C-alpha atoms as a PDB file:
ATOM      1  CA  MET A   1     131.892 137.884 113.864  1.00  0.00           C
ATOM      2  CA  ARG A   2     129.141 136.958 116.298  1.00  0.00           C
ATOM      3  CA  ALA A   3     125.798 135.981 114.771  1.00  0.00           C
ATOM      4  CA  ILE A   4     122.621 134.011 115.359  1.00  0.00           C
ATOM      5  CA  THR A   5     122.506 130.797 113.355  1.00  0.00           C
ATOM      6  CA  ILE A   6     119.823 128.177 112.689  1.00  0.00           C
ATOM      7  CA  PRO A   7     121.611 124.793 112.568  1.00  0.00           C
ATOM      8  CA  GLU A   8     118.262 122.964 112.383  1.00  0.00           C
ATOM      9  CA  PRO A   9     114.701 124.336 112.015  1.00  0.00           C
ATOM     10  CA  GLY A  10     112.609 124.324 115.165  1.00  0.00           C
ATOM     11  CA  GLU A  11     111.260 126.300 118.077  1.00  0.00           C
ATOM     12  CA  ALA A  12     112.899 129.411 119.517  1.00  0.00           C
ATOM     13  CA  ASP A  13     115.862 127.487 120.935  1.00  0.00           C
ATOM     14  CA  ALA A  14     116.829 126.644 117.342  1.00  0.00           C
ATOM     15  CA  LEU A  15     118.419 130.108 117.303  1.00  0.00           C
ATOM     16  CA  VAL A  16     122.036 129.478 118.273  1.00  0.00           C
ATOM     17  CA  PRO A  17     124.650 132.207 118.856  1.00  0.00           C
ATOM     18  CA  ALA A  18     127.911 131.341 117.097  1.00  0.00           C
ATOM     19  CA  ASP A  19     131.086 132.760 115.584  1.00  0.00           C
ATOM     20  CA  VAL A  20     130.795 132.819 111.789  1.00  0.00           C
ATOM     21  CA  PRO A  21     132.891 134.286 108.961  1.00  0.00           C
ATOM     22  CA  ALA A  22     132.356 137.976 108.295  1.00  0.00           C
ATOM     23  CA  PRO A  23     130.523 138.711 105.023  1.00  0.00           C
ATOM     24  CA  GLN A  24     132.398 139.517 101.835  1.00  0.00           C
ATOM     25  CA  VAL A  25     131.595 142.887 100.283  1.00  0.00           C
ATOM     26  CA  ARG A  26     130.755 142.578  96.590  1.00  0.00           C
ATOM     27  CA  PRO A  27     130.787 145.413  94.046  1.00  0.00           C
ATOM     28  CA  GLY A  28     127.857 147.729  94.582  1.00  0.00           C
ATOM     29  CA  GLU A  29     127.527 146.834  98.276  1.00  0.00           C
ATOM     30  CA  VAL A  30     128.443 148.420 101.583  1.00  0.00           C
ATOM     31  CA  LEU A  31     129.467 146.689 104.792  1.00  0.00           C
ATOM     32  CA  ILE A  32     127.490 147.790 107.833  1.00  0.00           C
ATOM     33  CA  ASP A  33     128.658 147.368 111.412  1.00  0.00           C
ATOM     34  CA  VAL A  34     125.300 146.522 112.937  1.00  0.00           C
ATOM     35  CA  VAL A  35     124.033 148.471 115.937  1.00  0.00           C
ATOM     36  CA  ALA A  36     120.522 146.987 116.006  1.00  0.00           C
ATOM     37  CA  ALA A  37     118.427 144.496 114.053  1.00  0.00           C
ATOM     38  CA  GLY A  38     114.667 144.257 113.664  1.00  0.00           C
ATOM     39  CA  VAL A  39     112.795 141.073 114.559  1.00  0.00           C
ATOM     40  CA  ASN A  40     109.981 140.093 112.189  1.00  0.00           C
ATOM     41  CA  ARG A  41     107.492 137.246 111.846  1.00  0.00           C
ATOM     42  CA  ALA A  42     109.287 136.304 108.643  1.00  0.00           C
ATOM     43  CA  ASP A  43     112.301 135.478 110.823  1.00  0.00           C
ATOM     44  CA  VAL A  44     110.108 133.143 112.864  1.00  0.00           C
ATOM     45  CA  MET A  45     108.946 131.425 109.681  1.00  0.00           C
ATOM     46  CA  GLN A  46     112.563 131.015 108.547  1.00  0.00           C
ATOM     47  CA  ARG A  47     113.526 129.585 111.924  1.00  0.00           C
ATOM     48  CA  LYS A  48     110.763 126.987 111.570  1.00  0.00           C
ATOM     49  CA  GLY A  49     111.979 126.012 108.107  1.00  0.00           C
ATOM     50  CA  PHE A  50     109.097 127.539 106.134  1.00  0.00           C
ATOM     51  CA  TYR A  51     110.680 130.674 104.658  1.00  0.00           C
ATOM     52  CA  PRO A  52     114.194 130.101 103.298  1.00  0.00           C
ATOM     53  CA  PRO A  53     116.266 133.023 102.039  1.00  0.00           C
ATOM     54  CA  PRO A  54     116.411 133.648  98.289  1.00  0.00           C
ATOM     55  CA  PRO A  55     119.202 131.777  96.458  1.00  0.00           C
ATOM     56  CA  GLY A  56     122.616 133.305  97.047  1.00  0.00           C
ATOM     57  CA  GLU A  57     121.582 135.304 100.106  1.00  0.00           C
ATOM     58  CA  SER A  58     122.763 134.911 103.697  1.00  0.00           C
ATOM     59  CA  GLU A  59     121.364 131.927 105.604  1.00  0.00           C
ATOM     60  CA  LEU A  60     121.338 134.022 108.785  1.00  0.00           C
ATOM     61  CA  PRO A  61     117.968 135.482 109.827  1.00  0.00           C
ATOM     62  CA  GLY A  62     117.258 139.185 109.927  1.00  0.00           C
ATOM     63  CA  LEU A  63     115.610 141.440 107.318  1.00  0.00           C
ATOM     64  CA  GLU A  64     116.542 144.907 108.577  1.00  0.00           C
ATOM     65  CA  VAL A  65     119.349 146.591 110.486  1.00  0.00           C
ATOM     66  CA  SER A  66     120.744 149.935 111.486  1.00  0.00           C
ATOM     67  CA  GLY A  67     124.395 150.776 111.991  1.00  0.00           C
ATOM     68  CA  ILE A  68     127.526 152.391 110.609  1.00  0.00           C
ATOM     69  CA  ILE A  69     129.090 151.864 107.182  1.00  0.00           C
ATOM     70  CA  SER A  70     132.576 150.431 107.689  1.00  0.00           C
ATOM     71  CA  ARG A  71     133.565 149.488 104.127  1.00  0.00           C
ATOM     72  CA  LEU A  72     132.573 150.396 100.570  1.00  0.00           C
ATOM     73  CA  GLY A  73     132.390 147.888  97.761  1.00  0.00           C
ATOM     74  CA  GLU A  74     133.776 148.613  94.326  1.00  0.00           C
ATOM     75  CA  GLY A  75     131.792 151.254  92.468  1.00  0.00           C
ATOM     76  CA  VAL A  76     130.002 152.715  95.492  1.00  0.00           C
ATOM     77  CA  GLU A  77     130.023 156.501  95.336  1.00  0.00           C
ATOM     78  CA  ASP A  78     126.954 157.798  97.216  1.00  0.00           C
ATOM     79  CA  TRP A  79     128.007 156.654 100.703  1.00  0.00           C
ATOM     80  CA  GLN A  80     131.008 157.161 102.932  1.00  0.00           C
ATOM     81  CA  VAL A  81     132.644 155.101 105.658  1.00  0.00           C
ATOM     82  CA  GLY A  82     131.159 156.327 108.944  1.00  0.00           C
ATOM     83  CA  ASP A  83     127.704 157.119 107.570  1.00  0.00           C
ATOM     84  CA  GLN A  84     124.837 156.229 109.896  1.00  0.00           C
ATOM     85  CA  VAL A  85     122.377 154.092 107.965  1.00  0.00           C
ATOM     86  CA  CYS A  86     119.601 151.545 108.121  1.00  0.00           C
ATOM     87  CA  ALA A  87     118.912 148.939 105.486  1.00  0.00           C
ATOM     88  CA  LEU A  88     116.438 146.456 104.032  1.00  0.00           C
ATOM     89  CA  LEU A  89     117.940 142.962 103.750  1.00  0.00           C
ATOM     90  CA  ALA A  90     117.209 139.617 102.143  1.00  0.00           C
ATOM     91  CA  GLY A  91     118.836 138.036 105.221  1.00  0.00           C
ATOM     92  CA  GLY A  92     121.833 138.257 107.520  1.00  0.00           C
ATOM     93  CA  GLY A  93     120.689 140.921 109.982  1.00  0.00           C
ATOM     94  CA  TYR A  94     121.186 138.931 113.198  1.00  0.00           C
ATOM     95  CA  ALA A  95     124.936 139.526 113.076  1.00  0.00           C
ATOM     96  CA  GLU A  96     127.635 142.025 113.936  1.00  0.00           C
ATOM     97  CA  GLN A  97     128.173 142.869 110.258  1.00  0.00           C
ATOM     98  CA  VAL A  98     126.134 142.595 107.079  1.00  0.00           C
ATOM     99  CA  ALA A  99     126.831 143.394 103.426  1.00  0.00           C
ATOM    100  CA  VAL A 100     123.990 145.215 101.652  1.00  0.00           C
ATOM    101  CA  PRO A 101     123.375 146.386  98.069  1.00  0.00           C
ATOM    102  CA  VAL A 102     123.512 150.193  98.018  1.00  0.00           C
ATOM    103  CA  GLY A 103     119.986 150.385  96.601  1.00  0.00           C
ATOM    104  CA  GLN A 104     118.635 148.975  99.859  1.00  0.00           C
ATOM    105  CA  VAL A 105     120.440 151.412 102.162  1.00  0.00           C
ATOM    106  CA  LEU A 106     118.780 154.444 103.736  1.00  0.00           C
ATOM    107  CA  PRO A 107     120.195 157.251 105.864  1.00  0.00           C
ATOM    108  CA  VAL A 108     119.094 157.249 109.479  1.00  0.00           C
ATOM    109  CA  PRO A 109     116.284 159.836 109.494  1.00  0.00           C
ATOM    110  CA  GLU A 110     116.969 163.107 111.251  1.00  0.00           C
ATOM    111  CA  GLY A 111     115.870 162.952 114.870  1.00  0.00           C
ATOM    112  CA  VAL A 112     115.991 159.146 115.089  1.00  0.00           C
ATOM    113  CA  ALA A 113     118.704 157.377 117.095  1.00  0.00           C
ATOM    114  CA  VAL A 114     120.796 154.857 115.176  1.00  0.00           C
ATOM    115  CA  ALA A 115     119.759 152.120 117.589  1.00  0.00           C
ATOM    116  CA  ASP A 116     116.067 152.876 116.911  1.00  0.00           C
ATOM    117  CA  ALA A 117     116.323 153.129 113.120  1.00  0.00           C
ATOM    118  CA  ALA A 118     116.361 149.325 112.761  1.00  0.00           C
ATOM    119  CA  ALA A 119     112.621 149.481 113.465  1.00  0.00           C
ATOM    120  CA  LEU A 120     111.953 151.301 110.193  1.00  0.00           C
ATOM    121  CA  PRO A 121     113.165 149.683 106.934  1.00  0.00           C
ATOM    122  CA  GLU A 122     111.062 146.519 106.754  1.00  0.00           C
ATOM    123  CA  VAL A 123     107.794 148.068 107.913  1.00  0.00           C
ATOM    124  CA  ALA A 124     108.183 151.266 105.900  1.00  0.00           C
ATOM    125  CA  CYS A 125     109.048 149.389 102.711  1.00  0.00           C
ATOM    126  CA  THR A 126     106.306 146.810 103.255  1.00  0.00           C
ATOM    127  CA  VAL A 127     103.601 149.388 103.879  1.00  0.00           C
ATOM    128  CA  TRP A 128     104.644 151.824 101.183  1.00  0.00           C
ATOM    129  CA  SER A 129     105.053 149.156  98.497  1.00  0.00           C
ATOM    130  CA  ASN A 130     101.751 147.429  99.279  1.00  0.00           C
ATOM    131  CA  VAL A 131      99.368 150.134 100.458  1.00  0.00           C
ATOM    132  CA  PHE A 132     100.565 152.930  98.194  1.00  0.00           C
ATOM    133  CA  LEU A 133     102.547 151.612  95.217  1.00  0.00           C
ATOM    134  CA  THR A 134     100.379 148.513  94.727  1.00  0.00           C
ATOM    135  CA  ALA A 135      96.954 149.378  96.170  1.00  0.00           C
ATOM    136  CA  ASN A 136      97.213 153.124  95.426  1.00  0.00           C
ATOM    137  CA  LEU A 137      95.486 154.300  98.601  1.00  0.00           C
ATOM    138  CA  GLN A 138      93.944 157.743  98.077  1.00  0.00           C
ATOM    139  CA  PRO A 139      92.900 160.548 100.450  1.00  0.00           C
ATOM    140  CA  GLY A 140      89.423 159.962 101.802  1.00  0.00           C
ATOM    141  CA  GLU A 141      89.472 156.212 101.208  1.00  0.00           C
ATOM    142  CA  VAL A 142      88.958 153.620 103.936  1.00  0.00           C
ATOM    143  CA  LEU A 143      92.034 151.562 104.854  1.00  0.00           C
ATOM    144  CA  LEU A 144      91.491 148.438 106.971  1.00  0.00           C
ATOM    145  CA  VAL A 145      94.643 147.146 108.670  1.00  0.00           C
ATOM    146  CA  HIS A 146      94.468 143.703 110.250  1.00  0.00           C
ATOM    147  CA  GLY A 147      96.868 143.392 113.172  1.00  0.00           C
ATOM    148  CA  GLY A 148      96.955 147.133 113.670  1.00  0.00           C
ATOM    149  CA  SER A 149      99.219 146.974 116.733  1.00  0.00           C
ATOM    150  CA  SER A 150     102.001 145.071 114.942  1.00  0.00           C
ATOM    151  CA  GLY A 151     105.101 146.729 113.564  1.00  0.00           C
ATOM    152  CA  ILE A 152     103.572 146.817 110.089  1.00  0.00           C
ATOM    153  CA  GLY A 153     100.224 147.856 111.490  1.00  0.00           C
ATOM    154  CA  THR A 154     101.552 150.797 113.489  1.00  0.00           C
ATOM    155  CA  MET A 155     103.373 152.085 110.399  1.00  0.00           C
ATOM    156  CA  ALA A 156     100.305 151.579 108.171  1.00  0.00           C
ATOM    157  CA  ILE A 157      98.109 153.544 110.578  1.00  0.00           C
ATOM    158  CA  GLN A 158     100.496 156.479 110.624  1.00  0.00           C
ATOM    159  CA  LEU A 159     101.039 156.614 106.867  1.00  0.00           C
ATOM    160  CA  GLY A 160      97.349 156.152 106.131  1.00  0.00           C
ATOM    161  CA  ARG A 161      96.556 159.005 108.496  1.00  0.00           C
ATOM    162  CA  GLU A 162      99.151 161.232 106.858  1.00  0.00           C
ATOM    163  CA  VAL A 163      97.660 160.831 103.369  1.00  0.00           C
ATOM    164  CA  GLY A 164      94.168 161.601 104.654  1.00  0.00           C
ATOM    165  CA  ALA A 165      92.694 158.102 104.608  1.00  0.00           C
ATOM    166  CA  HIS A 166      90.229 156.835 107.208  1.00  0.00           C
ATOM    167  CA  VAL A 167      92.053 154.058 109.043  1.00  0.00           C
ATOM    168  CA  VAL A 168      90.252 151.064 110.531  1.00  0.00           C
ATOM    169  CA  VAL A 169      92.131 148.426 112.538  1.00  0.00           C
ATOM    170  CA  THR A 170      91.583 145.030 114.069  1.00  0.00           C
ATOM    171  CA  ALA A 171      93.482 143.888 117.157  1.00  0.00           C
ATOM    172  CA  GLY A 172      92.979 141.403 119.978  1.00  0.00           C
ATOM    173  CA  SER A 173      92.895 143.560 123.127  1.00  0.00           C
ATOM    174  CA  GLN A 174      91.748 146.942 124.354  1.00  0.00           C
ATOM    175  CA  ASP A 175      95.337 147.959 125.157  1.00  0.00           C
ATOM    176  CA  LYS A 176      96.346 147.293 121.564  1.00  0.00           C
ATOM    177  CA  LEU A 177      93.342 149.167 120.203  1.00  0.00           C
ATOM    178  CA  ALA A 178      94.107 152.122 122.476  1.00  0.00           C
ATOM    179  CA  ALA A 179      97.635 152.266 121.076  1.00  0.00           C
ATOM    180  CA  CYS A 180      96.217 152.205 117.544  1.00  0.00           C
ATOM    181  CA  ALA A 181      93.847 155.054 118.402  1.00  0.00           C
ATOM    182  CA  LYS A 182      96.742 157.208 119.606  1.00  0.00           C
ATOM    183  CA  LEU A 183      98.416 156.719 116.223  1.00  0.00           C
ATOM    184  CA  GLY A 184      95.351 157.840 114.304  1.00  0.00           C
ATOM    185  CA  ALA A 185      93.075 154.842 113.782  1.00  0.00           C
ATOM    186  CA  GLU A 186      89.450 156.008 113.652  1.00  0.00           C
ATOM    187  CA  VAL A 187      87.584 152.703 113.933  1.00  0.00           C
ATOM    188  CA  LEU A 188      88.808 150.082 116.415  1.00  0.00           C
ATOM    189  CA  VAL A 189      87.644 146.463 116.179  1.00  0.00           C
ATOM    190  CA  ASN A 190      88.458 143.814 118.780  1.00  0.00           C
ATOM    191  CA  TYR A 191      88.392 140.734 116.575  1.00  0.00           C
ATOM    192  CA  ARG A 192      87.949 138.478 119.619  1.00  0.00           C
ATOM    193  CA  GLU A 193      84.637 140.136 120.466  1.00  0.00           C
ATOM    194  CA  GLU A 194      83.269 141.682 117.251  1.00  0.00           C
ATOM    195  CA  ASP A 195      82.713 140.752 113.616  1.00  0.00           C
ATOM    196  CA  PHE A 196      84.905 143.171 111.684  1.00  0.00           C
ATOM    197  CA  VAL A 197      82.697 143.029 108.572  1.00  0.00           C
ATOM    198  CA  GLU A 198      79.593 144.201 110.403  1.00  0.00           C
ATOM    199  CA  ARG A 199      81.488 146.775 112.423  1.00  0.00           C
ATOM    200  CA  VAL A 200      83.247 148.336 109.426  1.00  0.00           C
ATOM    201  CA  ARG A 201      80.072 148.365 107.347  1.00  0.00           C
ATOM    202  CA  THR A 202      78.256 150.178 110.128  1.00  0.00           C
ATOM    203  CA  ALA A 203      81.092 152.654 110.675  1.00  0.00           C
ATOM    204  CA  THR A 204      81.313 153.463 106.946  1.00  0.00           C
ATOM    205  CA  ASP A 205      77.552 153.655 106.283  1.00  0.00           C
ATOM    206  CA  GLY A 206      77.732 150.506 104.186  1.00  0.00           C
ATOM    207  CA  HIS A 207      80.688 151.628 102.035  1.00  0.00           C
ATOM    208  CA  GLY A 208      83.175 149.014 103.258  1.00  0.00           C
ATOM    209  CA  ALA A 209      86.944 149.155 102.844  1.00  0.00           C
ATOM    210  CA  ASP A 210      88.705 150.537  99.787  1.00  0.00           C
ATOM    211  CA  VAL A 211      92.034 148.943 100.736  1.00  0.00           C
ATOM    212  CA  ILE A 212      92.619 146.033 103.119  1.00  0.00           C
ATOM    213  CA  LEU A 213      96.135 145.154 104.303  1.00  0.00           C
ATOM    214  CA  ASP A 214      95.928 141.562 105.502  1.00  0.00           C
ATOM    215  CA  VAL A 215      98.421 139.325 107.294  1.00  0.00           C
ATOM    216  CA  VAL A 216      95.932 136.553 108.055  1.00  0.00           C
ATOM    217  CA  GLY A 217      95.313 134.998 104.646  1.00  0.00           C
ATOM    218  CA  ALA A 218      92.907 132.113 104.123  1.00  0.00           C
ATOM    219  CA  LYS A 219      90.944 132.492 107.364  1.00  0.00           C
ATOM    220  CA  TYR A 220      89.875 136.035 106.426  1.00  0.00           C
ATOM    221  CA  LEU A 221      89.659 135.744 102.629  1.00  0.00           C
ATOM    222  CA  ASP A 222      85.880 135.364 102.347  1.00  0.00           C
ATOM    223  CA  ARG A 223      85.105 138.096 104.876  1.00  0.00           C
ATOM    224  CA  ASN A 224      87.723 140.434 103.417  1.00  0.00           C
ATOM    225  CA  THR A 225      86.322 140.170  99.903  1.00  0.00           C
ATOM    226  CA  ASP A 226      82.786 140.564 101.279  1.00  0.00           C
ATOM    227  CA  LEU A 227      83.849 143.821 102.932  1.00  0.00           C
ATOM    228  CA  LEU A 228      85.617 145.335  99.928  1.00  0.00           C
ATOM    229  CA  ALA A 229      84.022 148.447  98.470  1.00  0.00           C
ATOM    230  CA  ASP A 230      83.465 148.835  94.739  1.00  0.00           C
ATOM    231  CA  ASN A 231      86.906 148.972  93.107  1.00  0.00           C
ATOM    232  CA  GLY A 232      88.383 147.777  96.414  1.00  0.00           C
ATOM    233  CA  ARG A 233      91.851 146.237  96.735  1.00  0.00           C
ATOM    234  CA  LEU A 234      92.755 143.427  99.127  1.00  0.00           C
ATOM    235  CA  VAL A 235      96.498 143.038  99.592  1.00  0.00           C
ATOM    236  CA  VAL A 236      97.562 139.821 101.322  1.00  0.00           C
ATOM    237  CA  ILE A 237     101.063 139.943 102.802  1.00  0.00           C
ATOM    238  CA  GLY A 238     100.888 137.134 105.376  1.00  0.00           C
ATOM    239  CA  LEU A 239      99.418 133.703 105.931  1.00  0.00           C
ATOM    240  CA  GLN A 240      98.989 133.513 109.698  1.00  0.00           C
ATOM    241  CA  GLY A 241      95.504 132.077 109.144  1.00  0.00           C
ATOM    242  CA  GLY A 242      96.395 129.590 106.424  1.00  0.00           C
ATOM    243  CA  ALA A 243      97.245 129.513 102.720  1.00  0.00           C
ATOM    244  CA  LYS A 244      94.210 127.966 100.993  1.00  0.00           C
ATOM    245  CA  ALA A 245      90.604 129.171 100.828  1.00  0.00           C
ATOM    246  CA  GLU A 246      87.790 129.416  98.296  1.00  0.00           C
ATOM    247  CA  LEU A 247      87.491 132.703  96.399  1.00  0.00           C
ATOM    248  CA  ASP A 248      84.136 133.894  95.054  1.00  0.00           C
ATOM    249  CA  LEU A 249      85.078 135.437  91.716  1.00  0.00           C
ATOM    250  CA  ARG A 250      81.513 136.607  91.085  1.00  0.00           C
ATOM    251  CA  ARG A 251      81.817 138.875  94.107  1.00  0.00           C
ATOM    252  CA  LEU A 252      85.015 140.384  92.751  1.00  0.00           C
ATOM    253  CA  LEU A 253      83.491 140.871  89.290  1.00  0.00           C
ATOM    254  CA  ALA A 254      80.444 142.601  90.710  1.00  0.00           C
ATOM    255  CA  LYS A 255      82.629 145.001  92.694  1.00  0.00           C
ATOM    256  CA  ARG A 256      85.407 145.329  90.083  1.00  0.00           C
ATOM    257  CA  ALA A 257      87.654 144.459  93.008  1.00  0.00           C
ATOM    258  CA  ALA A 258      91.137 142.952  93.183  1.00  0.00           C
ATOM    259  CA  VAL A 259      92.938 140.447  95.390  1.00  0.00           C
ATOM    260  CA  ILE A 260      96.718 140.856  95.365  1.00  0.00           C
ATOM    261  CA  ALA A 261      99.274 138.684  97.152  1.00  0.00           C
ATOM    262  CA  THR A 262     102.799 140.022  97.499  1.00  0.00           C
ATOM    263  CA  SER A 263     106.055 139.519  99.381  1.00  0.00           C
ATOM    264  CA  LEU A 264     109.082 141.753  99.724  1.00  0.00           C
ATOM    265  CA  ARG A 265     112.021 139.501 100.518  1.00  0.00           C
ATOM    266  CA  ALA A 266     112.237 137.622  97.216  1.00  0.00           C
ATOM    267  CA  ARG A 267     111.876 140.652  94.952  1.00  0.00           C
ATOM    268  CA  PRO A 268     114.821 141.388  92.643  1.00  0.00           C
ATOM    269  CA  ALA A 269     117.315 143.929  93.916  1.00  0.00           C
ATOM    270  CA  ALA A 270     116.198 146.490  91.316  1.00  0.00           C
ATOM    271  CA  GLU A 271     112.602 146.329  92.582  1.00  0.00           C
ATOM    272  CA  LYS A 272     113.750 146.683  96.173  1.00  0.00           C
ATOM    273  CA  ALA A 273     115.856 149.687  95.205  1.00  0.00           C
ATOM    274  CA  THR A 274     112.801 151.335  93.623  1.00  0.00           C
ATOM    275  CA  ILE A 275     110.777 150.768  96.784  1.00  0.00           C
ATOM    276  CA  VAL A 276     113.582 152.030  99.033  1.00  0.00           C
ATOM    277  CA  ALA A 277     113.934 155.171  96.894  1.00  0.00           C
ATOM    278  CA  ALA A 278     110.194 155.825  97.174  1.00  0.00           C
ATOM    279  CA  VAL A 279     110.328 155.348 100.945  1.00  0.00           C
ATOM    280  CA  ARG A 280     113.216 157.796 101.201  1.00  0.00           C
ATOM    281  CA  GLU A 281     111.277 160.352  99.153  1.00  0.00           C
ATOM    282  CA  HIS A 282     107.843 160.000 100.734  1.00  0.00           C
ATOM    283  CA  VAL A 283     108.237 158.477 104.195  1.00  0.00           C
ATOM    284  CA  TRP A 284     111.564 159.754 105.487  1.00  0.00           C
ATOM    285  CA  PRO A 285     110.470 163.438 105.550  1.00  0.00           C
ATOM    286  CA  LEU A 286     107.492 162.416 107.706  1.00  0.00           C
ATOM    287  CA  VAL A 287     109.810 160.563 110.081  1.00  0.00           C
ATOM    288  CA  ALA A 288     112.271 163.465 110.204  1.00  0.00           C
ATOM    289  CA  SER A 289     109.422 165.845 111.057  1.00  0.00           C
ATOM    290  CA  GLY A 290     108.258 163.597 113.893  1.00  0.00           C
ATOM    291  CA  ARG A 291     104.839 162.979 112.354  1.00  0.00           C
ATOM    292  CA  VAL A 292     105.670 159.300 111.787  1.00  0.00           C
ATOM    293  CA  THR A 293     107.672 157.512 114.464  1.00  0.00           C
ATOM    294  CA  PRO A 294     109.110 154.036 114.990  1.00  0.00           C
ATOM    295  CA  ILE A 295     107.067 152.241 117.659  1.00  0.00           C
ATOM    296  CA  ILE A 296     109.417 150.027 119.696  1.00  0.00           C
ATOM    297  CA  HIS A 297     108.016 147.595 122.227  1.00  0.00           C
ATOM    298  CA  ARG A 298     111.184 146.010 123.625  1.00  0.00           C
ATOM    299  CA  ARG A 299     114.871 145.383 122.947  1.00  0.00           C
ATOM    300  CA  PHE A 300     116.959 142.263 123.596  1.00  0.00           C
ATOM    301  CA  PRO A 301     120.700 141.610 123.378  1.00  0.00           C
ATOM    302  CA  LEU A 302     121.654 139.655 120.255  1.00  0.00           C
ATOM    303  CA  GLU A 303     122.417 136.562 122.333  1.00  0.00           C
ATOM    304  CA  GLN A 304     118.789 136.571 123.539  1.00  0.00           C
ATOM    305  CA  ALA A 305     117.269 136.303 120.078  1.00  0.00           C
ATOM    306  CA  ALA A 306     115.307 133.243 121.196  1.00  0.00           C
ATOM    307  CA  GLU A 307     113.552 135.322 123.865  1.00  0.00           C
ATOM    308  CA  ALA A 308     112.708 137.941 121.251  1.00  0.00           C
ATOM    309  CA  HIS A 309     111.139 135.240 119.095  1.00  0.00           C
ATOM    310  CA  ARG A 310     109.085 133.928 121.997  1.00  0.00           C
ATOM    311  CA  LEU A 311     107.753 137.420 122.580  1.00  0.00           C
ATOM    312  CA  ILE A 312     106.768 137.984 118.965  1.00  0.00           C
ATOM    313  CA  GLU A 313     105.109 134.554 118.797  1.00  0.00           C
ATOM    314  CA  GLY A 314     103.116 135.369 121.922  1.00  0.00           C
ATOM    315  CA  SER A 315     101.613 138.376 120.106  1.00  0.00           C
ATOM    316  CA  SER A 316     101.477 140.515 123.235  1.00  0.00           C
ATOM    317  CA  HIS A 317     103.722 143.245 121.827  1.00  0.00           C
ATOM    318  CA  ILE A 318     102.774 146.600 120.327  1.00  0.00           C
ATOM    319  CA  GLY A 319     105.091 147.778 117.563  1.00  0.00           C
ATOM    320  CA  LYS A 320     108.580 146.467 116.898  1.00  0.00           C
ATOM    321  CA  ILE A 321     110.985 144.194 118.749  1.00  0.00           C
ATOM    322  CA  LEU A 322     114.704 144.876 118.276  1.00  0.00           C
ATOM    323  CA  LEU A 323     117.987 143.120 118.926  1.00  0.00           C
ATOM    324  CA  ASP A 324     120.844 145.251 120.247  1.00  0.00           C
ATOM    325  CA  VAL A 325     123.906 144.004 118.400  1.00  0.00           C
ATOM    326  CA  GLY A 326     126.674 146.593 118.741  1.00  0.00           C
ATOM    327  CA  ARG A 327     127.099 150.062 120.152  1.00  0.00           C
ATOM    328  CA  MET A 328     128.139 153.449 118.901  1.00  0.00           C
ATOM    329  CA  GLU A 329     131.725 154.368 119.572  1.00  0.00           C
ATOM    330  CA  ALA A 330     132.104 157.101 122.171  1.00  0.00           C
END
């Protein structure tokens, strides 16, 4: 099969199209003929040599796909060959085929094209697991999303809005903030021009943020914890601004607040299956109704994966970037 490989870590040109062996389907897995694959910053980190796949998983990049089931592994009963699906992966998505544990497979939501569904699994599972299962966001609370125009950000805005939270976002341009506003963000902060702590405090009459979803890490740690409301929860899911910073524990004690750092890729399959099941129960009906939608910025052919990586590293996009891998049969 055709796939994108990483012979040596490096810049975008380290992504090399090649012919590789098709994956073997183990018991409890399905084989998916890939129609589209999502591009994520985690893929960029893997390409640079900083985020290897978990032991035993595919060395190919790619954490989410959509496509058609073409083979069932031993013991699989809930799916059929020909089913249109999307899936959360530990790796291997930049390829014409991928084998996936059944617990990480989702039906393509009603009303969503197969080629667009690759924009959903990673962001939906990331947001639901962190903002809702971990941080337990409640109606009426204030949710601050850093990088609100990203794929994760655009999903977090929509889901926060749907549960009745007040969504605040940071982004680096007025175009990005305008896109966030259309999705339901109530407070818009241009981090290049404003201090988000002061702006959010003013907008919330001094309350602060009950939940903060952060992809920046060390650079924002002090300001994030300063902004947390009493009983607030900071969930760190990225380290774009560094990995090490000083944490004022007295501030957390005074607020009875929590700092949580999580990742999705390395979780055991059983944990991923629990998250995927929750997403299917809570998020998929919202997608099927049209209230939550995949936000897709641009698509590239699989062979142009390097160009897709350059775009995501340039941070000019709004929403998801996809690779078109295969096509539906007529």
